[in-house]
PDB file of N, CA and C in Angstrom:
ATOM      1  N   MET A   1       1.448  16.796  -9.787  1.00  0.00           N
ATOM      2  CA  MET A   1       2.754  16.222  -9.524  1.00  0.00           C
ATOM      3  C   MET A   1       3.044  16.315  -8.021  1.00  0.00           C
ATOM      4  N   PHE A   2       3.640  15.286  -7.481  1.00  0.00           N
ATOM      5  CA  PHE A   2       3.994  15.241  -6.069  1.00  0.00           C
ATOM      6  C   PHE A   2       5.178  16.154  -5.787  1.00  0.00           C
ATOM      7  N   GLU A   3       5.057  16.903  -4.722  1.00  0.00           N
ATOM      8  CA  GLU A   3       6.172  17.747  -4.287  1.00  0.00           C
ATOM      9  C   GLU A   3       6.689  17.196  -2.965  1.00  0.00           C
ATOM     10  N   ALA A   4       7.979  17.061  -2.838  1.00  0.00           N
ATOM     11  CA  ALA A   4       8.586  16.449  -1.655  1.00  0.00           C
ATOM     12  C   ALA A   4       8.221  17.171  -0.366  1.00  0.00           C
ATOM     13  N   ASN A   5       8.010  18.466  -0.424  1.00  0.00           N
ATOM     14  CA  ASN A   5       7.716  19.230   0.778  1.00  0.00           C
ATOM     15  C   ASN A   5       6.278  19.714   0.854  1.00  0.00           C
ATOM     16  N   ASP A   6       5.403  19.111   0.085  1.00  0.00           N
ATOM     17  CA  ASP A   6       3.998  19.506   0.079  1.00  0.00           C
ATOM     18  C   ASP A   6       3.318  18.961   1.338  1.00  0.00           C
ATOM     19  N   PRO A   7       2.868  19.829   2.233  1.00  0.00           N
ATOM     20  CA  PRO A   7       2.287  19.350   3.486  1.00  0.00           C
ATOM     21  C   PRO A   7       0.941  18.652   3.323  1.00  0.00           C
ATOM     22  N   SER A   8       0.315  18.772   2.155  1.00  0.00           N
ATOM     23  CA  SER A   8      -0.970  18.108   1.956  1.00  0.00           C
ATOM     24  C   SER A   8      -0.814  16.652   1.547  1.00  0.00           C
ATOM     25  N   GLU A   9       0.392  16.216   1.242  1.00  0.00           N
ATOM     26  CA  GLU A   9       0.617  14.834   0.821  1.00  0.00           C
ATOM     27  C   GLU A   9       0.762  13.925   2.044  1.00  0.00           C
ATOM     28  N   ALA A  10      -0.227  13.075   2.255  1.00  0.00           N
ATOM     29  CA  ALA A  10      -0.217  12.067   3.314  1.00  0.00           C
ATOM     30  C   ALA A  10       0.044  12.663   4.690  1.00  0.00           C
ATOM     31  N   ILE A  11      -0.515  13.809   4.939  1.00  0.00           N
ATOM     32  CA  ILE A  11      -0.287  14.476   6.214  1.00  0.00           C
ATOM     33  C   ILE A  11      -0.806  13.616   7.371  1.00  0.00           C
ATOM     34  N   ARG A  12       0.053  13.342   8.313  1.00  0.00           N
ATOM     35  CA  ARG A  12      -0.266  12.594   9.527  1.00  0.00           C
ATOM     36  C   ARG A  12      -0.830  11.204   9.249  1.00  0.00           C
ATOM     37  N   SER A  13      -0.450  10.607   8.128  1.00  0.00           N
ATOM     38  CA  SER A  13      -1.001   9.300   7.764  1.00  0.00           C
ATOM     39  C   SER A  13      -0.641   8.219   8.781  1.00  0.00           C
ATOM     40  N   ALA A  14       0.471   8.369   9.465  1.00  0.00           N
ATOM     41  CA  ALA A  14       0.866   7.376  10.473  1.00  0.00           C
ATOM     42  C   ALA A  14      -0.096   7.360  11.659  1.00  0.00           C
ATOM     43  N   GLU A  15      -0.902   8.406  11.785  1.00  0.00           N
ATOM     44  CA  GLU A  15      -1.850   8.482  12.909  1.00  0.00           C
ATOM     45  C   GLU A  15      -3.219   7.878  12.592  1.00  0.00           C
ATOM     46  N   ILE A  16      -3.445   7.473  11.351  1.00  0.00           N
ATOM     47  CA  ILE A  16      -4.776   6.985  10.975  1.00  0.00           C
ATOM     48  C   ILE A  16      -5.174   5.752  11.774  1.00  0.00           C
ATOM     49  N   LEU A  17      -4.361   4.707  11.747  1.00  0.00           N
ATOM     50  CA  LEU A  17      -4.730   3.471  12.441  1.00  0.00           C
ATOM     51  C   LEU A  17      -4.812   3.651  13.958  1.00  0.00           C
ATOM     52  N   PRO A  18      -3.830   4.287  14.608  1.00  0.00           N
ATOM     53  CA  PRO A  18      -3.963   4.505  16.053  1.00  0.00           C
ATOM     54  C   PRO A  18      -5.213   5.313  16.427  1.00  0.00           C
ATOM     55  N   THR A  19      -5.578   6.285  15.605  1.00  0.00           N
ATOM     56  CA  THR A  19      -6.770   7.087  15.880  1.00  0.00           C
ATOM     57  C   THR A  19      -8.036   6.254  15.684  1.00  0.00           C
ATOM     58  N   LEU A  20      -8.065   5.442  14.641  1.00  0.00           N
ATOM     59  CA  LEU A  20      -9.216   4.557  14.440  1.00  0.00           C
ATOM     60  C   LEU A  20      -9.415   3.646  15.646  1.00  0.00           C
ATOM     61  N   LYS A  21      -8.305   3.129  16.184  1.00  0.00           N
ATOM     62  CA  LYS A  21      -8.385   2.208  17.319  1.00  0.00           C
ATOM     63  C   LYS A  21      -8.889   2.889  18.595  1.00  0.00           C
ATOM     64  N   LEU A  22      -8.768   4.192  18.678  1.00  0.00           N
ATOM     65  CA  LEU A  22      -9.309   4.920  19.832  1.00  0.00           C
ATOM     66  C   LEU A  22     -10.825   4.911  19.838  1.00  0.00           C
ATOM     67  N   TYR A  23     -11.417   4.942  18.662  1.00  0.00           N
ATOM     68  CA  TYR A  23     -12.861   5.110  18.547  1.00  0.00           C
ATOM     69  C   TYR A  23     -13.595   3.891  18.000  1.00  0.00           C
ATOM     70  N   PHE A  24     -12.855   2.940  17.444  1.00  0.00           N
ATOM     71  CA  PHE A  24     -13.471   1.766  16.837  1.00  0.00           C
ATOM     72  C   PHE A  24     -12.769   0.493  17.275  1.00  0.00           C
ATOM     73  N   ASP A  25     -13.541  -0.592  17.385  1.00  0.00           N
ATOM     74  CA  ASP A  25     -12.968  -1.925  17.513  1.00  0.00           C
ATOM     75  C   ASP A  25     -12.734  -2.410  16.088  1.00  0.00           C
ATOM     76  N   ILE A  26     -11.519  -2.829  15.801  1.00  0.00           N
ATOM     77  CA  ILE A  26     -11.188  -3.279  14.462  1.00  0.00           C
ATOM     78  C   ILE A  26     -11.742  -4.689  14.267  1.00  0.00           C
ATOM     79  N   VAL A  27     -12.663  -4.827  13.335  1.00  0.00           N
ATOM     80  CA  VAL A  27     -13.285  -6.110  13.033  1.00  0.00           C
ATOM     81  C   VAL A  27     -12.443  -6.886  12.028  1.00  0.00           C
ATOM     82  N   ASP A  28     -11.929  -6.195  11.046  1.00  0.00           N
ATOM     83  CA  ASP A  28     -11.094  -6.843  10.034  1.00  0.00           C
ATOM     84  C   ASP A  28     -10.078  -5.843   9.499  1.00  0.00           C
ATOM     85  N   TYR A  29      -8.888  -6.337   9.262  1.00  0.00           N
ATOM     86  CA  TYR A  29      -7.801  -5.503   8.746  1.00  0.00           C
ATOM     87  C   TYR A  29      -7.082  -6.294   7.665  1.00  0.00           C
ATOM     88  N   LYS A  30      -7.129  -5.795   6.442  1.00  0.00           N
ATOM     89  CA  LYS A  30      -6.489  -6.477   5.320  1.00  0.00           C
ATOM     90  C   LYS A  30      -5.509  -5.533   4.636  1.00  0.00           C
ATOM     91  N   PRO A  31      -4.211  -5.685   4.925  1.00  0.00           N
ATOM     92  CA  PRO A  31      -3.227  -4.875   4.198  1.00  0.00           C
ATOM     93  C   PRO A  31      -3.182  -5.350   2.750  1.00  0.00           C
ATOM     94  N   TYR A  32      -2.965  -4.436   1.839  1.00  0.00           N
ATOM     95  CA  TYR A  32      -2.843  -4.855   0.448  1.00  0.00           C
ATOM     96  C   TYR A  32      -1.703  -4.163  -0.279  1.00  0.00           C
ATOM     97  N   ASP A  33      -0.532  -4.387   0.248  1.00  0.00           N
ATOM     98  CA  ASP A  33       0.723  -4.048  -0.424  1.00  0.00           C
ATOM     99  C   ASP A  33       0.847  -2.563  -0.784  1.00  0.00           C
ATOM    100  N   GLY A  34       1.610  -2.291  -1.813  1.00  0.00           N
ATOM    101  CA  GLY A  34       1.741  -0.935  -2.315  1.00  0.00           C
ATOM    102  C   GLY A  34       3.019  -0.210  -1.948  1.00  0.00           C
ATOM    103  N   ALA A  35       3.780  -0.726  -1.010  1.00  0.00           N
ATOM    104  CA  ALA A  35       4.961   0.002  -0.558  1.00  0.00           C
ATOM    105  C   ALA A  35       6.001   0.181  -1.661  1.00  0.00           C
ATOM    106  N   ILE A  36       6.101  -0.774  -2.551  1.00  0.00           N
ATOM    107  CA  ILE A  36       7.047  -0.663  -3.661  1.00  0.00           C
ATOM    108  C   ILE A  36       6.311  -0.347  -4.960  1.00  0.00           C
ATOM    109  N   LEU A  37       5.294  -1.144  -5.261  1.00  0.00           N
ATOM    110  CA  LEU A  37       4.639  -1.050  -6.566  1.00  0.00           C
ATOM    111  C   LEU A  37       4.019   0.310  -6.861  1.00  0.00           C
ATOM    112  N   HIS A  38       3.316   0.891  -5.909  1.00  0.00           N
ATOM    113  CA  HIS A  38       2.631   2.147  -6.234  1.00  0.00           C
ATOM    114  C   HIS A  38       3.616   3.281  -6.482  1.00  0.00           C
ATOM    115  N   THR A  39       4.750   3.248  -5.811  1.00  0.00           N
ATOM    116  CA  THR A  39       5.765   4.279  -6.024  1.00  0.00           C
ATOM    117  C   THR A  39       6.542   4.011  -7.311  1.00  0.00           C
ATOM    118  N   LEU A  40       6.949   2.780  -7.492  1.00  0.00           N
ATOM    119  CA  LEU A  40       7.754   2.405  -8.654  1.00  0.00           C
ATOM    120  C   LEU A  40       6.996   2.597  -9.966  1.00  0.00           C
ATOM    121  N   LEU A  41       5.704   2.265  -9.959  1.00  0.00           N
ATOM    122  CA  LEU A  41       4.936   2.281 -11.202  1.00  0.00           C
ATOM    123  C   LEU A  41       4.122   3.551 -11.411  1.00  0.00           C
ATOM    124  N   SER A  42       4.229   4.498 -10.517  1.00  0.00           N
ATOM    125  CA  SER A  42       3.471   5.743 -10.652  1.00  0.00           C
ATOM    126  C   SER A  42       3.781   6.410 -11.991  1.00  0.00           C
ATOM    127  N   GLY A  43       2.773   6.557 -12.800  1.00  0.00           N
ATOM    128  CA  GLY A  43       2.926   7.177 -14.101  1.00  0.00           C
ATOM    129  C   GLY A  43       3.514   6.270 -15.161  1.00  0.00           C
ATOM    130  N   LEU A  44       3.855   5.030 -14.779  1.00  0.00           N
ATOM    131  CA  LEU A  44       4.484   4.105 -15.723  1.00  0.00           C
ATOM    132  C   LEU A  44       3.627   2.886 -16.044  1.00  0.00           C
ATOM    133  N   ALA A  45       2.657   2.579 -15.232  1.00  0.00           N
ATOM    134  CA  ALA A  45       1.899   1.333 -15.368  1.00  0.00           C
ATOM    135  C   ALA A  45       1.290   1.177 -16.755  1.00  0.00           C
ATOM    136  N   GLY A  46       0.870   2.264 -17.364  1.00  0.00           N
ATOM    137  CA  GLY A  46       0.269   2.195 -18.685  1.00  0.00           C
ATOM    138  C   GLY A  46       1.237   1.823 -19.779  1.00  0.00           C
ATOM    139  N   ASN A  47       2.519   1.825 -19.484  1.00  0.00           N
ATOM    140  CA  ASN A  47       3.523   1.467 -20.489  1.00  0.00           C
ATOM    141  C   ASN A  47       3.743  -0.038 -20.606  1.00  0.00           C
ATOM    142  N   PHE A  48       3.155  -0.806 -19.692  1.00  0.00           N
ATOM    143  CA  PHE A  48       3.322  -2.256 -19.729  1.00  0.00           C
ATOM    144  C   PHE A  48       2.227  -2.881 -20.570  1.00  0.00           C
ATOM    145  N   ASP A  49       2.583  -3.921 -21.287  1.00  0.00           N
ATOM    146  CA  ASP A  49       1.651  -4.633 -22.146  1.00  0.00           C
ATOM    147  C   ASP A  49       1.170  -5.872 -21.406  1.00  0.00           C
ATOM    148  N   GLU A  50      -0.116  -5.929 -21.102  1.00  0.00           N
ATOM    149  CA  GLU A  50      -0.648  -7.056 -20.343  1.00  0.00           C
ATOM    150  C   GLU A  50      -0.545  -8.382 -21.093  1.00  0.00           C
ATOM    151  N   TYR A  51      -0.320  -8.326 -22.398  1.00  0.00           N
ATOM    152  CA  TYR A  51      -0.190  -9.536 -23.200  1.00  0.00           C
ATOM    153  C   TYR A  51       1.269  -9.936 -23.433  1.00  0.00           C
ATOM    154  N   SER A  52       2.196  -9.153 -22.896  1.00  0.00           N
ATOM    155  CA  SER A  52       3.617  -9.450 -23.047  1.00  0.00           C
ATOM    156  C   SER A  52       4.080 -10.344 -21.899  1.00  0.00           C
ATOM    157  N   PRO A  53       4.574 -11.547 -22.210  1.00  0.00           N
ATOM    158  CA  PRO A  53       5.072 -12.423 -21.146  1.00  0.00           C
ATOM    159  C   PRO A  53       6.201 -11.770 -20.332  1.00  0.00           C
ATOM    160  N   ALA A  54       7.058 -11.002 -20.984  1.00  0.00           N
ATOM    161  CA  ALA A  54       8.163 -10.351 -20.269  1.00  0.00           C
ATOM    162  C   ALA A  54       7.630  -9.296 -19.304  1.00  0.00           C
ATOM    163  N   ASP A  55       6.677  -8.478 -19.757  1.00  0.00           N
ATOM    164  CA  ASP A  55       6.102  -7.445 -18.889  1.00  0.00           C
ATOM    165  C   ASP A  55       5.369  -8.071 -17.709  1.00  0.00           C
ATOM    166  N   THR A  56       4.581  -9.093 -18.018  1.00  0.00           N
ATOM    167  CA  THR A  56       3.819  -9.773 -16.965  1.00  0.00           C
ATOM    168  C   THR A  56       4.750 -10.416 -15.943  1.00  0.00           C
ATOM    169  N   ALA A  57       5.806 -11.059 -16.407  1.00  0.00           N
ATOM    170  CA  ALA A  57       6.769 -11.703 -15.504  1.00  0.00           C
ATOM    171  C   ALA A  57       7.461 -10.672 -14.618  1.00  0.00           C
ATOM    172  N   LEU A  58       7.830  -9.543 -15.189  1.00  0.00           N
ATOM    173  CA  LEU A  58       8.497  -8.499 -14.410  1.00  0.00           C
ATOM    174  C   LEU A  58       7.574  -7.977 -13.310  1.00  0.00           C
ATOM    175  N   LEU A  59       6.342  -7.672 -13.666  1.00  0.00           N
ATOM    176  CA  LEU A  59       5.404  -7.140 -12.673  1.00  0.00           C
ATOM    177  C   LEU A  59       5.094  -8.165 -11.588  1.00  0.00           C
ATOM    178  N   LYS A  60       4.931  -9.422 -11.969  1.00  0.00           N
ATOM    179  CA  LYS A  60       4.681 -10.469 -10.970  1.00  0.00           C
ATOM    180  C   LYS A  60       5.879 -10.640 -10.047  1.00  0.00           C
ATOM    181  N   THR A  61       7.079 -10.548 -10.591  1.00  0.00           N
ATOM    182  CA  THR A  61       8.299 -10.683  -9.782  1.00  0.00           C
ATOM    183  C   THR A  61       8.402  -9.557  -8.758  1.00  0.00           C
ATOM    184  N   ILE A  62       8.131  -8.348  -9.199  1.00  0.00           N
ATOM    185  CA  ILE A  62       8.174  -7.213  -8.269  1.00  0.00           C
ATOM    186  C   ILE A  62       7.116  -7.377  -7.186  1.00  0.00           C
ATOM    187  N   ALA A  63       5.915  -7.805  -7.575  1.00  0.00           N
ATOM    188  CA  ALA A  63       4.836  -8.002  -6.608  1.00  0.00           C
ATOM    189  C   ALA A  63       5.195  -9.084  -5.592  1.00  0.00           C
ATOM    190  N   LEU A  64       5.788 -10.178  -6.048  1.00  0.00           N
ATOM    191  CA  LEU A  64       6.202 -11.254  -5.139  1.00  0.00           C
ATOM    192  C   LEU A  64       7.311 -10.793  -4.201  1.00  0.00           C
ATOM    193  N   PHE A  65       8.237  -9.999  -4.712  1.00  0.00           N
ATOM    194  CA  PHE A  65       9.315  -9.448  -3.893  1.00  0.00           C
ATOM    195  C   PHE A  65       8.733  -8.554  -2.796  1.00  0.00           C
ATOM    196  N   GLU A  66       7.810  -7.688  -3.178  1.00  0.00           N
ATOM    197  CA  GLU A  66       7.158  -6.814  -2.209  1.00  0.00           C
ATOM    198  C   GLU A  66       6.420  -7.632  -1.148  1.00  0.00           C
ATOM    199  N   GLU A  67       5.684  -8.643  -1.580  1.00  0.00           N
ATOM    200  CA  GLU A  67       4.935  -9.495  -0.659  1.00  0.00           C
ATOM    201  C   GLU A  67       5.866 -10.210   0.314  1.00  0.00           C
ATOM    202  N   ALA A  68       6.989 -10.722  -0.180  1.00  0.00           N
ATOM    203  CA  ALA A  68       7.955 -11.416   0.679  1.00  0.00           C
ATOM    204  C   ALA A  68       8.539 -10.471   1.722  1.00  0.00           C
ATOM    205  N   LEU A  69       8.849  -9.240   1.325  1.00  0.00           N
ATOM    206  CA  LEU A  69       9.380  -8.261   2.276  1.00  0.00           C
ATOM    207  C   LEU A  69       8.350  -7.910   3.341  1.00  0.00           C
ATOM    208  N   GLU A  70       7.093  -7.836   2.950  1.00  0.00           N
ATOM    209  CA  GLU A  70       6.036  -7.553   3.926  1.00  0.00           C
ATOM    210  C   GLU A  70       5.837  -8.722   4.884  1.00  0.00           C
ATOM    211  N   GLU A  71       5.868  -9.931   4.360  1.00  0.00           N
ATOM    212  CA  GLU A  71       5.673 -11.116   5.207  1.00  0.00           C
ATOM    213  C   GLU A  71       6.767 -11.271   6.254  1.00  0.00           C
ATOM    214  N   THR A  72       7.983 -10.849   5.931  1.00  0.00           N
ATOM    215  CA  THR A  72       9.082 -10.954   6.893  1.00  0.00           C
ATOM    216  C   THR A  72       9.113  -9.771   7.858  1.00  0.00           C
ATOM    217  N   GLY A  73       8.307  -8.758   7.584  1.00  0.00           N
ATOM    218  CA  GLY A  73       8.297  -7.576   8.435  1.00  0.00           C
ATOM    219  C   GLY A  73       9.335  -6.534   8.035  1.00  0.00           C
ATOM    220  N   ALA A  74      10.062  -6.799   6.957  1.00  0.00           N
ATOM    221  CA  ALA A  74      11.077  -5.850   6.505  1.00  0.00           C
ATOM    222  C   ALA A  74      10.461  -4.624   5.846  1.00  0.00           C
ATOM    223  N   LEU A  75       9.206  -4.753   5.438  1.00  0.00           N
ATOM    224  CA  LEU A  75       8.512  -3.681   4.739  1.00  0.00           C
ATOM    225  C   LEU A  75       7.060  -3.702   5.155  1.00  0.00           C
ATOM    226  N   GLY A  76       6.493  -2.532   5.374  1.00  0.00           N
ATOM    227  CA  GLY A  76       5.083  -2.447   5.719  1.00  0.00           C
ATOM    228  C   GLY A  76       4.242  -2.175   4.485  1.00  0.00           C
ATOM    229  N   SER A  77       2.957  -2.425   4.607  1.00  0.00           N
ATOM    230  CA  SER A  77       2.029  -2.154   3.516  1.00  0.00           C
ATOM    231  C   SER A  77       1.601  -0.693   3.580  1.00  0.00           C
ATOM    232  N   ASP A  78       1.493  -0.054   2.439  1.00  0.00           N
ATOM    233  CA  ASP A  78       1.059   1.340   2.400  1.00  0.00           C
ATOM    234  C   ASP A  78      -0.461   1.481   2.338  1.00  0.00           C
ATOM    235  N   PHE A  79      -1.160   0.388   2.076  1.00  0.00           N
ATOM    236  CA  PHE A  79      -2.608   0.447   1.925  1.00  0.00           C
ATOM    237  C   PHE A  79      -3.259  -0.655   2.744  1.00  0.00           C
ATOM    238  N   ALA A  80      -4.496  -0.404   3.167  1.00  0.00           N
ATOM    239  CA  ALA A  80      -5.246  -1.432   3.897  1.00  0.00           C
ATOM    240  C   ALA A  80      -6.736  -1.152   3.766  1.00  0.00           C
ATOM    241  N   ALA A  81      -7.508  -2.221   3.821  1.00  0.00           N
ATOM    242  CA  ALA A  81      -8.953  -2.109   3.940  1.00  0.00           C
ATOM    243  C   ALA A  81      -9.259  -2.459   5.399  1.00  0.00           C
ATOM    244  N   ILE A  82      -9.989  -1.582   6.065  1.00  0.00           N
ATOM    245  CA  ILE A  82     -10.245  -1.765   7.495  1.00  0.00           C
ATOM    246  C   ILE A  82     -11.737  -1.665   7.757  1.00  0.00           C
ATOM    247  N   VAL A  83     -12.242  -2.637   8.515  1.00  0.00           N
ATOM    248  CA  VAL A  83     -13.630  -2.605   8.947  1.00  0.00           C
ATOM    249  C   VAL A  83     -13.628  -2.458  10.448  1.00  0.00           C
ATOM    250  N   GLY A  84     -14.393  -1.502  10.944  1.00  0.00           N
ATOM    251  CA  GLY A  84     -14.466  -1.295  12.379  1.00  0.00           C
ATOM    252  C   GLY A  84     -15.881  -1.027  12.822  1.00  0.00           C
ATOM    253  N   LYS A  85     -16.103  -1.223  14.119  1.00  0.00           N
ATOM    254  CA  LYS A  85     -17.417  -0.861  14.687  1.00  0.00           C
ATOM    255  C   LYS A  85     -17.160   0.085  15.848  1.00  0.00           C
ATOM    256  N   PRO A  86     -18.034   1.063  16.006  1.00  0.00           N
ATOM    257  CA  PRO A  86     -17.830   2.049  17.074  1.00  0.00           C
ATOM    258  C   PRO A  86     -17.706   1.386  18.448  1.00  0.00           C
ATOM    259  N   LYS A  87     -16.812   1.894  19.251  1.00  0.00           N
ATOM    260  CA  LYS A  87     -16.650   1.380  20.608  1.00  0.00           C
ATOM    261  C   LYS A  87     -17.845   1.796  21.453  1.00  0.00           C
ATOM    262  N   GLY A  88     -18.126   0.942  22.406  1.00  0.00           N
ATOM    263  CA  GLY A  88     -19.106   1.337  23.390  1.00  0.00           C
ATOM    264  C   GLY A  88     -20.421   0.771  23.199  1.00  0.00           C
TER     265      GLY A  88
END
């Protein structure tokens, strides 16, 4: 279970990309959402029925809302796939 004051949870995560850029040239960077969905659905995703039109519509709506907020810059992505090559 996540503890609000647990120092091992995402420690210094804001430094990951700046540190990568010190040592690597970023070849490709693909953010893949997560700012709302991973928090909102943590421990709940298994309760949705993939064959239920209502469940599917709700999840798609939340995903589209998250994507729209990211596209406008109002929300950042919590996850990314990054390819880099060593500098030098």
